[in-house]
Protein backbone atom coordinates (compact mmCIF):
# COMPACT_ATOMS: atom_id res chain seq x y z
CA UNK A 1 -35.14 16.86 -18.37
CA UNK A 2 -32.85 15.77 -20.95
CA UNK A 3 -30.39 13.19 -20.91
CA UNK A 4 -27.91 16.53 -21.53
CA UNK A 5 -29.39 18.87 -19.61
CA UNK A 6 -29.19 16.16 -16.87
CA UNK A 7 -25.50 15.69 -17.35
CA UNK A 8 -24.79 19.75 -17.35
CA UNK A 9 -26.49 19.81 -14.03
CA UNK A 10 -24.78 17.24 -12.55
CA UNK A 11 -21.67 18.63 -10.05
CA UNK A 12 -18.39 17.00 -10.49
CA UNK A 13 -18.47 14.06 -7.79
CA UNK A 14 -16.49 14.94 -4.53
CA UNK A 15 -12.94 12.17 -4.82
CA UNK A 16 -11.35 13.20 -1.94
CA UNK A 17 -11.00 10.57 1.07
CA UNK A 18 -9.92 11.09 4.57
CA UNK A 19 -7.79 8.49 5.83
CA UNK A 20 -6.49 8.90 9.96
CA UNK A 21 -7.04 13.19 9.57
CA UNK A 22 -4.95 13.53 6.41
CA UNK A 23 -7.34 14.38 3.16
CA UNK A 24 -6.20 12.89 -0.02
CA UNK A 25 -7.38 14.26 -3.20
CA UNK A 26 -8.44 10.77 -4.50
CA UNK A 27 -8.73 7.01 -3.31
CA UNK A 28 -5.40 6.04 -5.51
CA UNK A 29 -1.67 6.16 -4.32
CA UNK A 30 1.00 4.15 -5.63
CA UNK A 31 2.75 0.87 -3.39
CA UNK A 32 5.68 0.84 -1.59
CA UNK A 33 8.17 -1.28 -3.70
CA UNK A 34 6.44 -0.46 -6.91
CA UNK A 35 7.18 2.85 -7.59
CA UNK A 36 10.54 3.74 -6.31
CA UNK A 37 10.75 7.13 -4.55
CA UNK A 38 7.75 8.71 -6.80
CA UNK A 39 10.35 10.82 -8.48
CA UNK A 40 11.77 8.11 -11.13
CA UNK A 41 8.08 8.13 -12.76
CA UNK A 42 7.68 11.77 -13.01
CA UNK A 43 8.53 11.81 -16.66
CA UNK A 44 5.95 9.39 -17.25
CA UNK A 45 2.84 10.15 -15.17
CA UNK A 46 1.61 13.23 -13.68
CA UNK A 47 2.30 12.56 -10.09
CA UNK A 48 -0.31 15.30 -9.23
CA UNK A 49 -3.19 13.58 -10.25
CA UNK A 50 -3.19 10.96 -7.79
CA UNK A 51 -3.81 11.22 -3.78
CA UNK A 52 -0.45 9.36 -2.69
CA UNK A 53 2.78 8.37 -3.42
CA UNK A 54 4.01 5.37 -0.24
CA UNK A 55 7.80 5.20 -1.29
CA UNK A 56 10.29 2.40 -0.90
CA UNK A 57 10.58 1.03 1.95
CA UNK A 58 12.98 3.13 3.99
CA UNK A 59 15.55 1.55 7.29
CA UNK A 60 17.81 4.03 8.93
CA UNK A 61 21.25 2.98 7.09
CA UNK A 62 21.04 1.87 3.16
CA UNK A 63 20.31 -1.88 2.47
CA UNK A 64 21.96 -3.42 -0.44
CA UNK A 65 19.07 -6.03 -0.30
CA UNK A 66 19.16 -9.68 -1.78
CA UNK A 67 21.45 -10.71 -4.40
CA UNK A 68 20.05 -11.54 -7.96
CA UNK A 69 18.01 -13.54 -9.44
CA UNK A 70 15.29 -11.59 -7.24
CA UNK A 71 12.44 -11.22 -9.77
CA UNK A 72 10.32 -13.81 -11.79
CA UNK A 73 7.37 -13.45 -13.56
CA UNK A 74 4.74 -15.55 -12.96
CA UNK A 75 0.99 -15.96 -14.84
CA UNK A 76 -0.57 -12.92 -14.14
CA UNK A 77 1.74 -11.61 -11.44
CA UNK A 78 5.49 -11.40 -10.35
CA UNK A 79 7.49 -12.91 -7.67
CA UNK A 80 10.04 -10.88 -6.00
CA UNK A 81 12.83 -11.18 -3.43
CA UNK A 82 14.16 -7.81 -3.37
CA UNK A 83 15.07 -7.22 0.15
CA UNK A 84 14.29 -4.02 1.57
CA UNK A 85 17.23 -2.16 -1.02
CA UNK A 86 17.07 1.05 0.06
CA UNK A 87 19.08 4.59 0.33
CA UNK A 88 18.24 4.63 3.95
CA UNK A 89 16.36 7.78 5.50
CA UNK A 90 19.04 10.38 5.84
CA UNK A 91 19.58 10.51 1.92
CA UNK A 92 15.68 10.15 1.59
CA UNK A 93 14.87 13.32 3.24
CA UNK A 94 18.05 15.16 2.32
CA UNK A 95 17.71 14.47 -1.50
CA UNK A 96 14.58 12.69 -2.24
CA UNK A 97 11.94 14.51 -0.15
CA UNK A 98 12.54 17.88 -0.97
CA UNK A 99 11.27 17.26 -4.38
CA UNK A 100 8.67 15.14 -3.96
CA UNK A 101 7.24 18.47 -1.28
CA UNK A 102 7.10 20.45 -5.15
CA UNK A 103 4.17 17.87 -5.96
CA UNK A 104 0.29 18.24 -4.97
CA UNK A 105 0.33 14.43 -3.75
CA UNK A 106 0.84 12.91 -0.20
CA UNK A 107 3.90 11.36 0.72
CA UNK A 108 3.60 8.36 3.17
CA UNK A 109 7.00 6.66 3.72
CA UNK A 110 6.92 2.59 4.43
CA UNK A 111 9.48 2.10 7.38
CA UNK A 112 11.35 -1.41 7.65
CA UNK A 113 13.62 -2.97 10.39
CA UNK A 114 15.01 -5.82 11.17
CA UNK A 115 14.89 -5.67 14.98
CA UNK A 116 12.27 -3.77 17.17
CA UNK A 117 14.77 -0.83 17.90
CA UNK A 118 15.09 -0.43 13.84
CA UNK A 119 11.76 0.61 13.39
CA UNK A 120 11.26 2.73 16.91
CA UNK A 121 15.16 4.72 15.25
CA UNK A 122 13.71 5.00 11.71
CA UNK A 123 10.39 6.41 12.91
CA UNK A 124 12.21 8.78 15.35
CA UNK A 125 13.90 10.29 12.68
CA UNK A 126 11.40 10.54 10.21
CA UNK A 127 8.64 12.00 12.71
CA UNK A 128 10.44 15.10 12.78
CA UNK A 129 10.92 15.45 9.10
CA UNK A 130 8.32 18.18 7.79
CA UNK A 131 6.94 16.86 3.84
CA UNK A 132 5.37 13.29 5.20
CA UNK A 133 1.77 12.93 5.88
CA UNK A 134 2.12 9.20 7.59
CA UNK A 135 3.98 6.36 7.61
CA UNK A 136 3.38 2.92 7.00
CA UNK A 137 4.68 0.21 9.78
CA UNK A 138 5.94 -2.52 7.14
CA UNK A 139 5.71 -5.95 9.32
CA UNK A 140 4.82 -8.53 6.25
CA UNK A 141 7.75 -8.54 3.88
CA UNK A 142 8.37 -12.14 3.44
CA UNK A 143 11.53 -11.53 1.46
CA UNK A 144 14.28 -10.95 4.38
CA UNK A 145 15.74 -14.02 6.57
CA UNK A 146 14.80 -11.62 9.89
CA UNK A 147 12.85 -8.57 10.71
CA UNK A 148 9.31 -7.40 10.14
CA UNK A 149 8.11 -10.54 8.83
CA UNK A 150 8.11 -12.22 12.40
CA UNK A 151 6.36 -9.71 13.87
CA UNK A 152 3.37 -11.08 12.19
CA UNK A 153 3.28 -14.61 12.96
CA UNK A 154 1.47 -13.98 16.59
CA UNK A 155 -1.06 -11.25 17.20
CA UNK A 156 0.60 -10.00 20.72
CA UNK A 157 4.07 -9.66 18.95
CA UNK A 158 1.62 -7.06 15.82
CA UNK A 159 0.19 -5.73 19.02
CA UNK A 160 3.54 -4.97 20.51
CA UNK A 161 5.43 -3.79 17.82
CA UNK A 162 2.51 -1.10 16.43
CA UNK A 163 2.05 0.39 19.98
CA UNK A 164 5.68 0.78 20.53
CA UNK A 165 6.10 2.43 16.82
CA UNK A 166 3.26 4.38 17.35
CA UNK A 167 5.04 6.10 20.91
CA UNK A 168 7.63 6.61 18.62
CA UNK A 169 5.47 8.56 15.95
CA UNK A 170 3.72 11.34 17.90
CA UNK A 171 2.97 13.26 14.94
CA UNK A 172 2.60 11.24 12.03
CA UNK A 173 -0.38 9.07 11.45
CA UNK A 174 0.51 5.52 11.29
CA UNK A 175 -0.46 2.68 9.19
CA UNK A 176 0.39 -1.13 9.49
CA UNK A 177 0.79 -3.30 6.53
CA UNK A 178 -0.79 -6.38 7.05
CA UNK A 179 0.67 -9.89 5.81
CA UNK A 180 -1.67 -12.34 3.92
CA UNK A 181 0.16 -15.23 5.03
CA UNK A 182 -1.86 -15.44 8.24
CA UNK A 183 -4.55 -17.93 9.21
CA UNK A 184 -7.33 -15.04 10.22
CA UNK A 185 -6.36 -11.33 8.99
CA UNK A 186 -9.43 -10.14 11.15
CA UNK A 187 -7.45 -10.40 14.36
CA UNK A 188 -4.23 -9.23 13.21
CA UNK A 189 -6.41 -6.21 12.22
CA UNK A 190 -8.21 -5.90 15.15
CA UNK A 191 -4.32 -6.17 17.25
CA UNK A 192 -3.02 -3.60 15.64
CA UNK A 193 -6.53 -1.30 16.33
CA UNK A 194 -6.28 -1.79 19.32
CA UNK A 195 -2.35 -1.20 20.05
CA UNK A 196 -3.46 2.60 18.46
CA UNK A 197 -2.88 1.84 14.61
CA UNK A 198 -4.51 4.88 12.87
CA UNK A 199 -4.80 2.91 9.80
CA UNK A 200 -4.09 -0.55 7.76
CA UNK A 201 -2.49 -1.78 4.03
CA UNK A 202 -4.33 -4.64 3.19
CA UNK A 203 -2.60 -6.67 2.05
CA UNK A 204 1.17 -7.16 1.44
CA UNK A 205 2.55 -10.14 -0.75
CA UNK A 206 2.28 -13.98 -0.71
CA UNK A 207 4.69 -16.17 0.09
CA UNK A 208 5.60 -18.40 -3.23
CA UNK A 209 8.47 -20.22 -5.22
CA UNK A 210 9.20 -21.24 -8.76
CA UNK A 211 12.15 -23.54 -9.82
CA UNK A 212 13.77 -23.96 -13.49
CA UNK A 213 12.94 -27.45 -14.08
CA UNK A 214 16.16 -28.17 -16.62
CA UNK A 215 18.49 -26.65 -14.09
CA UNK A 216 16.57 -27.68 -10.85
CA UNK A 217 17.51 -24.88 -9.24
CA UNK A 218 15.04 -22.00 -7.79
CA UNK A 219 14.45 -18.93 -10.18
CA UNK A 220 15.06 -16.58 -6.91
CA UNK A 221 18.61 -17.05 -5.46
CA UNK A 222 16.39 -16.26 -1.64
CA UNK A 223 14.81 -19.69 -2.85
CA UNK A 224 11.13 -18.16 -2.20
CA UNK A 225 9.45 -14.54 -3.03
CA UNK A 226 6.27 -12.22 -2.60
CA UNK A 227 3.78 -12.99 -4.90
CA UNK A 228 1.80 -10.03 -6.10
CA UNK A 229 -0.03 -8.96 -9.11
CA UNK A 230 -3.73 -9.93 -10.78
CA UNK A 231 -3.08 -13.83 -10.01
CA UNK A 232 -3.46 -12.50 -5.98
CA UNK A 233 -6.66 -9.79 -6.55
CA UNK A 234 -9.71 -12.12 -5.39
CA UNK A 235 -7.87 -13.73 -2.01
CA UNK A 236 -6.80 -9.73 -1.25
CA UNK A 237 -10.32 -8.91 -1.43
CA UNK A 238 -11.66 -11.23 0.69
CA UNK A 239 -9.24 -10.26 2.95
CA UNK A 240 -10.03 -6.08 2.87
CA UNK A 241 -13.56 -7.30 3.30
CA UNK A 242 -12.74 -9.11 6.44
CA UNK A 243 -10.38 -6.45 8.12
CA UNK A 244 -12.52 -3.77 7.15
CA UNK A 245 -15.44 -5.39 8.93
CA UNK A 246 -13.12 -6.23 12.13
CA UNK A 247 -11.88 -2.71 12.91
CA UNK A 248 -13.01 1.31 12.55
CA UNK A 249 -9.92 2.71 11.51
CA UNK A 250 -9.49 3.10 7.69
CA UNK A 251 -8.44 0.35 5.51
CA UNK A 252 -6.20 0.64 2.40
CA UNK A 253 -6.83 -1.84 -0.34
CA UNK A 254 -3.58 -3.34 -2.00
CA UNK A 255 -3.18 -6.61 -4.26
CA UNK A 256 -3.47 -6.96 -7.82
CA UNK A 257 -5.29 -3.79 -9.04
CA UNK A 258 -4.53 -3.15 -12.56
CA UNK A 259 -7.68 -1.35 -13.63
CA UNK A 260 -10.78 0.84 -12.47
CA UNK A 261 -12.82 -2.16 -12.12
CA UNK A 262 -10.64 -3.94 -9.79
CA UNK A 263 -10.00 -0.64 -7.64
CA UNK A 264 -13.66 -0.19 -7.34
CA UNK A 265 -14.08 -4.16 -5.99
CA UNK A 266 -11.71 -3.19 -3.03
CA UNK A 267 -13.77 0.46 -2.43
CA UNK A 268 -17.01 -1.92 -2.64
CA UNK A 269 -15.48 -4.60 -0.12
CA UNK A 270 -14.62 -1.82 2.56
CA UNK A 271 -10.99 -0.06 1.69
CA UNK A 272 -10.91 3.65 1.98
CA UNK A 273 -8.12 4.03 -0.51
CA UNK A 274 -6.58 1.56 -2.80
CA UNK A 275 -2.56 1.40 -3.57
CA UNK A 276 -1.55 0.46 -7.36
CA UNK A 277 1.47 -1.74 -7.15
CA UNK A 278 2.50 -4.54 -9.71
CA UNK A 279 0.73 -2.95 -12.62
CA UNK A 280 3.25 0.08 -12.24
CA UNK A 281 5.66 -1.98 -13.74
CA UNK A 282 4.42 -2.73 -17.27
CA UNK A 283 1.89 0.10 -17.08
CA UNK A 284 3.74 3.53 -15.55
CA UNK A 285 0.79 5.83 -15.27
CA UNK A 286 -1.83 3.04 -14.41
CA UNK A 287 -2.27 5.15 -10.94
CA UNK A 288 -3.44 8.03 -12.80
CA UNK A 289 -5.43 6.41 -15.24
CA UNK A 290 -7.23 4.27 -12.29
CA UNK A 291 -7.82 7.98 -10.47
CA UNK A 292 -9.46 8.94 -13.75
CA UNK A 293 -11.88 6.11 -14.15
CA UNK A 294 -12.90 6.29 -10.59
CA UNK A 295 -14.01 9.83 -10.96
CA UNK A 296 -15.59 8.92 -14.62
CA UNK A 297 -17.65 6.15 -12.80
CA UNK A 298 -18.92 8.29 -10.42
CA UNK A 299 -20.27 10.79 -12.55
CA UNK A 300 -21.81 8.56 -15.19
CA UNK A 301 -23.62 6.75 -12.29
CA UNK A 302 -24.50 10.15 -10.64
CA UNK A 303 -22.66 9.10 -7.30
CA UNK A 304 -21.63 12.65 -5.69
CA UNK A 305 -19.03 11.18 -3.54
CA UNK A 306 -16.39 8.51 -3.74
CA UNK A 307 -17.23 7.68 0.06
CA UNK A 308 -20.56 6.54 -1.02
CA UNK A 309 -19.15 3.78 -2.69
CA UNK A 310 -17.08 2.47 0.68
CA UNK A 311 -18.24 -0.88 2.24
CA UNK A 312 -21.40 -0.84 -0.21
CA UNK A 313 -21.40 -4.60 -0.82
CA UNK A 314 -24.84 -6.09 -1.40
CA UNK A 315 -24.97 -9.33 -0.29
CA UNK A 316 -27.42 -12.20 -1.64
CA UNK A 317 -30.19 -12.63 0.79
């Protein structure tokens, strides 16, 4: 058979993935906090081209966030201390969600809170809202003085907030977004699974710091910030590998993804899907490009189903 006829006979690869019973047309999503509420990018890319949009973290009431300066570019990355600035769940459901529902892409809502009751309140409210496919429990943001971050310091606390939030979300699958600022990511992943989590988002940002040496002042008013971008990718890939080996629930890979090859690393390491974050700031259509790139990768290698790549890492003997 000639190469031309071989290409003609090969069907388009199957790109859909299943995460906790929710079908995604392809395994590419945008990461919370890097893509606004999705609509801001609608004139920059085709929102229908990706599997899902994880919107900016939502609390029940609006949050102003931290005062500036709160973003600083670093080598191959970015420090941010935004501090959960958002319009509030009520405003999102009233104004943003109805428009998002017109697009053929899944909407996942990242939820934030300062105390357990805050998480439960916003979860109960969103659980009753049509158009949302899943909730992503954010217990890993390092940019607030109190709140979700203290729930990821001990697996027992992680278990408790996951279990309680899952009870408050009987209709929607619950994903838990894990922090990399821990000793053993697998231990926290297992705690989430045992508590009833439906999937894991691995990872959030690393705690970092930058200093203006002329002013002898921190670059961020909050002092520290979350480090993201390509600089953290090798560590993120390692943590996805460890988490996916520790649990049976799906793992979504996050951390410095800026190309098709980057996304493939996470899939091969064990991620069922990926979220694109920092790269959205300098290449707004990057998630669409990666989705197309994954399809082309499979087509050229005659991989019939993208799921064949998940966890397909072949270690040296």
